């Protein structure tokens, strides 16, 4: 994950414009959106990436769990 989230969004969107089913670009876009404060959209995209793998990619599932825990802690 890059530190410049605007740039991450642009890069991942560029990949997805060419390859809409790219799992890691979908996840990367979701993580960047989440870090930019678009938390619901970010989680939705990471969930989509997880679904694209049949919920079998441990890296994506771990990222999804971290986002969900962070959202839960933000709502306390």
N, C-alpha and C. Protein backbone atom coordinates (compact mmCIF):
# COMPACT_ATOMS: atom_id res chain seq x y z
N UNK A 1 0.86 -1.18 0.00
CA UNK A 1 0.00 0.00 0.00
C UNK A 1 0.90 1.23 0.00
N UNK A 2 0.60 2.14 -0.88
CA UNK A 2 1.39 3.36 -0.95
C UNK A 2 0.89 4.37 0.08
N UNK A 3 1.70 5.33 0.42
CA UNK A 3 1.31 6.32 1.42
C UNK A 3 0.47 7.45 0.86
N UNK A 4 0.52 7.66 -0.44
CA UNK A 4 -0.27 8.70 -1.09
C UNK A 4 -1.56 8.06 -1.60
N UNK A 5 -2.62 8.18 -0.82
CA UNK A 5 -3.84 7.45 -1.14
C UNK A 5 -4.52 7.94 -2.41
N UNK A 6 -4.41 9.22 -2.73
CA UNK A 6 -4.95 9.72 -3.99
C UNK A 6 -4.28 9.01 -5.16
N UNK A 7 -2.96 8.86 -5.07
CA UNK A 7 -2.21 8.16 -6.12
C UNK A 7 -2.59 6.69 -6.17
N UNK A 8 -2.79 6.07 -5.02
CA UNK A 8 -3.22 4.67 -4.98
C UNK A 8 -4.56 4.49 -5.68
N UNK A 9 -5.48 5.40 -5.42
CA UNK A 9 -6.80 5.33 -6.06
C UNK A 9 -6.62 5.40 -7.58
N UNK A 10 -5.83 6.36 -8.05
CA UNK A 10 -5.63 6.51 -9.49
C UNK A 10 -5.00 5.27 -10.11
N UNK A 11 -3.99 4.72 -9.45
CA UNK A 11 -3.31 3.54 -9.98
C UNK A 11 -4.25 2.34 -10.04
N UNK A 12 -4.97 2.11 -8.96
CA UNK A 12 -5.87 0.96 -8.93
C UNK A 12 -7.04 1.13 -9.90
N UNK A 13 -7.57 2.33 -10.02
CA UNK A 13 -8.63 2.58 -10.99
C UNK A 13 -8.13 2.37 -12.42
N UNK A 14 -6.89 2.73 -12.69
CA UNK A 14 -6.31 2.52 -14.02
C UNK A 14 -6.24 1.02 -14.34
N UNK A 15 -5.80 0.25 -13.37
CA UNK A 15 -5.74 -1.21 -13.56
C UNK A 15 -7.15 -1.75 -13.79
N UNK A 16 -8.09 -1.32 -12.96
CA UNK A 16 -9.46 -1.84 -13.07
C UNK A 16 -10.14 -1.42 -14.37
N UNK A 17 -9.74 -0.30 -14.94
CA UNK A 17 -10.32 0.10 -16.23
C UNK A 17 -9.90 -0.86 -17.34
N UNK A 18 -8.73 -1.47 -17.19
CA UNK A 18 -8.24 -2.45 -18.17
C UNK A 18 -8.64 -3.87 -17.81
N UNK A 19 -8.65 -4.15 -16.50
CA UNK A 19 -8.94 -5.50 -16.02
C UNK A 19 -9.90 -5.40 -14.83
N UNK A 20 -11.20 -5.31 -15.12
CA UNK A 20 -12.19 -5.07 -14.06
C UNK A 20 -12.28 -6.17 -13.00
N UNK A 21 -11.74 -7.34 -13.30
CA UNK A 21 -11.79 -8.44 -12.34
C UNK A 21 -10.48 -8.63 -11.58
N UNK A 22 -9.62 -7.63 -11.59
CA UNK A 22 -8.34 -7.74 -10.87
C UNK A 22 -8.60 -7.65 -9.36
N UNK A 23 -8.40 -8.76 -8.70
CA UNK A 23 -8.69 -8.87 -7.27
C UNK A 23 -7.86 -7.90 -6.45
N UNK A 24 -6.55 -7.84 -6.74
CA UNK A 24 -5.68 -7.02 -5.90
C UNK A 24 -5.86 -5.53 -6.15
N UNK A 25 -6.23 -5.15 -7.36
CA UNK A 25 -6.54 -3.74 -7.61
C UNK A 25 -7.84 -3.36 -6.90
N UNK A 26 -8.79 -4.29 -6.87
CA UNK A 26 -10.04 -4.04 -6.15
C UNK A 26 -9.77 -3.86 -4.67
N UNK A 27 -8.95 -4.76 -4.12
CA UNK A 27 -8.59 -4.65 -2.70
C UNK A 27 -7.81 -3.36 -2.44
N UNK A 28 -6.85 -3.06 -3.30
CA UNK A 28 -6.03 -1.86 -3.13
C UNK A 28 -6.87 -0.59 -3.18
N UNK A 29 -7.82 -0.56 -4.09
CA UNK A 29 -8.73 0.59 -4.17
C UNK A 29 -9.55 0.69 -2.89
N UNK A 30 -10.03 -0.43 -2.41
CA UNK A 30 -10.81 -0.42 -1.16
C UNK A 30 -10.00 0.08 0.02
N UNK A 31 -8.77 -0.39 0.14
CA UNK A 31 -7.93 0.05 1.26
C UNK A 31 -7.64 1.54 1.18
N UNK A 32 -7.36 2.02 -0.03
CA UNK A 32 -7.08 3.45 -0.19
C UNK A 32 -8.32 4.28 0.14
N UNK A 33 -9.47 3.86 -0.35
CA UNK A 33 -10.71 4.59 -0.06
C UNK A 33 -10.96 4.63 1.45
N UNK A 34 -10.74 3.51 2.10
CA UNK A 34 -10.95 3.45 3.55
C UNK A 34 -10.04 4.45 4.26
N UNK A 35 -8.78 4.45 3.89
CA UNK A 35 -7.81 5.34 4.54
C UNK A 35 -8.09 6.82 4.24
N UNK A 36 -8.82 7.08 3.15
CA UNK A 36 -9.18 8.45 2.81
C UNK A 36 -10.47 8.88 3.51
N UNK A 37 -11.01 8.01 4.33
CA UNK A 37 -12.21 8.34 5.09
C UNK A 37 -13.50 7.85 4.46
N UNK A 38 -13.42 7.22 3.32
CA UNK A 38 -14.61 6.65 2.66
C UNK A 38 -14.73 5.20 3.11
N UNK A 39 -15.01 5.05 4.41
CA UNK A 39 -14.91 3.74 5.04
C UNK A 39 -15.92 2.73 4.50
N UNK A 40 -17.17 3.12 4.32
CA UNK A 40 -18.17 2.18 3.82
C UNK A 40 -17.80 1.69 2.43
N UNK A 41 -17.40 2.59 1.57
CA UNK A 41 -17.00 2.23 0.21
C UNK A 41 -15.76 1.33 0.24
N UNK A 42 -14.81 1.66 1.10
CA UNK A 42 -13.60 0.85 1.23
C UNK A 42 -13.91 -0.57 1.65
N UNK A 43 -14.73 -0.72 2.67
CA UNK A 43 -15.09 -2.06 3.14
C UNK A 43 -15.84 -2.82 2.04
N UNK A 44 -16.75 -2.14 1.35
CA UNK A 44 -17.51 -2.78 0.28
C UNK A 44 -16.57 -3.34 -0.80
N UNK A 45 -15.55 -2.57 -1.16
CA UNK A 45 -14.61 -3.01 -2.18
C UNK A 45 -13.74 -4.17 -1.69
N UNK A 46 -13.30 -4.13 -0.45
CA UNK A 46 -12.50 -5.24 0.08
C UNK A 46 -13.37 -6.49 0.21
N UNK A 47 -14.63 -6.32 0.59
CA UNK A 47 -15.56 -7.46 0.61
C UNK A 47 -15.72 -8.03 -0.80
N UNK A 48 -15.82 -7.16 -1.79
CA UNK A 48 -15.93 -7.61 -3.19
C UNK A 48 -14.70 -8.41 -3.58
N UNK A 49 -13.52 -7.92 -3.22
CA UNK A 49 -12.29 -8.64 -3.53
C UNK A 49 -12.28 -10.01 -2.85
N UNK A 50 -12.72 -10.06 -1.61
CA UNK A 50 -12.78 -11.35 -0.90
C UNK A 50 -13.73 -12.30 -1.61
N UNK A 51 -14.87 -11.80 -2.02
CA UNK A 51 -15.85 -12.63 -2.72
C UNK A 51 -15.29 -13.13 -4.05
N UNK A 52 -14.50 -12.29 -4.71
CA UNK A 52 -13.91 -12.67 -6.00
C UNK A 52 -12.99 -13.88 -5.84
N UNK A 53 -12.45 -14.08 -4.65
CA UNK A 53 -11.56 -15.23 -4.41
C UNK A 53 -12.30 -16.39 -3.76
N UNK A 54 -13.61 -16.26 -3.63
CA UNK A 54 -14.37 -17.29 -2.93
C UNK A 54 -14.09 -17.28 -1.44
N UNK A 55 -13.68 -16.13 -0.93
CA UNK A 55 -13.34 -15.95 0.48
C UNK A 55 -12.24 -16.91 0.92
N UNK A 56 -11.27 -17.14 0.02
CA UNK A 56 -10.18 -18.09 0.31
C UNK A 56 -8.82 -17.42 0.43
N UNK A 57 -8.70 -16.14 0.08
CA UNK A 57 -7.42 -15.45 0.15
C UNK A 57 -7.24 -14.89 1.56
N UNK A 58 -6.32 -15.48 2.30
CA UNK A 58 -6.12 -15.09 3.70
C UNK A 58 -5.68 -13.64 3.85
N UNK A 59 -4.88 -13.14 2.92
CA UNK A 59 -4.42 -11.76 2.99
C UNK A 59 -5.60 -10.80 2.90
N UNK A 60 -6.48 -11.05 1.96
CA UNK A 60 -7.66 -10.18 1.80
C UNK A 60 -8.58 -10.32 3.00
N UNK A 61 -8.78 -11.53 3.47
CA UNK A 61 -9.65 -11.74 4.64
C UNK A 61 -9.08 -11.04 5.88
N UNK A 62 -7.77 -11.09 6.04
CA UNK A 62 -7.15 -10.39 7.18
C UNK A 62 -7.35 -8.89 7.07
N UNK A 63 -7.15 -8.33 5.88
CA UNK A 63 -7.38 -6.90 5.69
C UNK A 63 -8.84 -6.54 5.98
N UNK A 64 -9.76 -7.36 5.52
CA UNK A 64 -11.18 -7.11 5.76
C UNK A 64 -11.50 -7.12 7.25
N UNK A 65 -10.93 -8.07 7.96
CA UNK A 65 -11.15 -8.13 9.41
C UNK A 65 -10.60 -6.91 10.12
N UNK A 66 -9.43 -6.43 9.70
CA UNK A 66 -8.84 -5.23 10.30
C UNK A 66 -9.76 -4.03 10.07
N UNK A 67 -10.26 -3.89 8.84
CA UNK A 67 -11.15 -2.75 8.54
C UNK A 67 -12.43 -2.83 9.37
N UNK A 68 -12.99 -4.01 9.46
CA UNK A 68 -14.23 -4.16 10.23
C UNK A 68 -14.02 -3.85 11.71
N UNK A 69 -12.90 -4.31 12.26
CA UNK A 69 -12.60 -4.02 13.67
C UNK A 69 -12.38 -2.52 13.87
N UNK A 70 -11.68 -1.90 12.94
CA UNK A 70 -11.44 -0.46 13.03
C UNK A 70 -12.76 0.30 12.98
N UNK A 71 -13.66 -0.10 12.10
CA UNK A 71 -14.97 0.57 12.01
C UNK A 71 -15.75 0.38 13.31
N UNK A 72 -15.69 -0.81 13.85
CA UNK A 72 -16.41 -1.08 15.10
C UNK A 72 -15.86 -0.21 16.23
N UNK A 73 -14.55 -0.07 16.29
CA UNK A 73 -13.94 0.75 17.34
C UNK A 73 -14.26 2.22 17.14
N UNK A 74 -14.42 2.64 15.89
CA UNK A 74 -14.76 4.04 15.61
C UNK A 74 -16.18 4.37 16.02
N UNK A 75 -17.02 3.37 16.08
CA UNK A 75 -18.43 3.57 16.42
C UNK A 75 -18.72 3.51 17.91
N UNK A 76 -17.68 3.26 18.70
CA UNK A 76 -17.88 3.16 20.16
C UNK A 76 -17.92 4.55 20.76
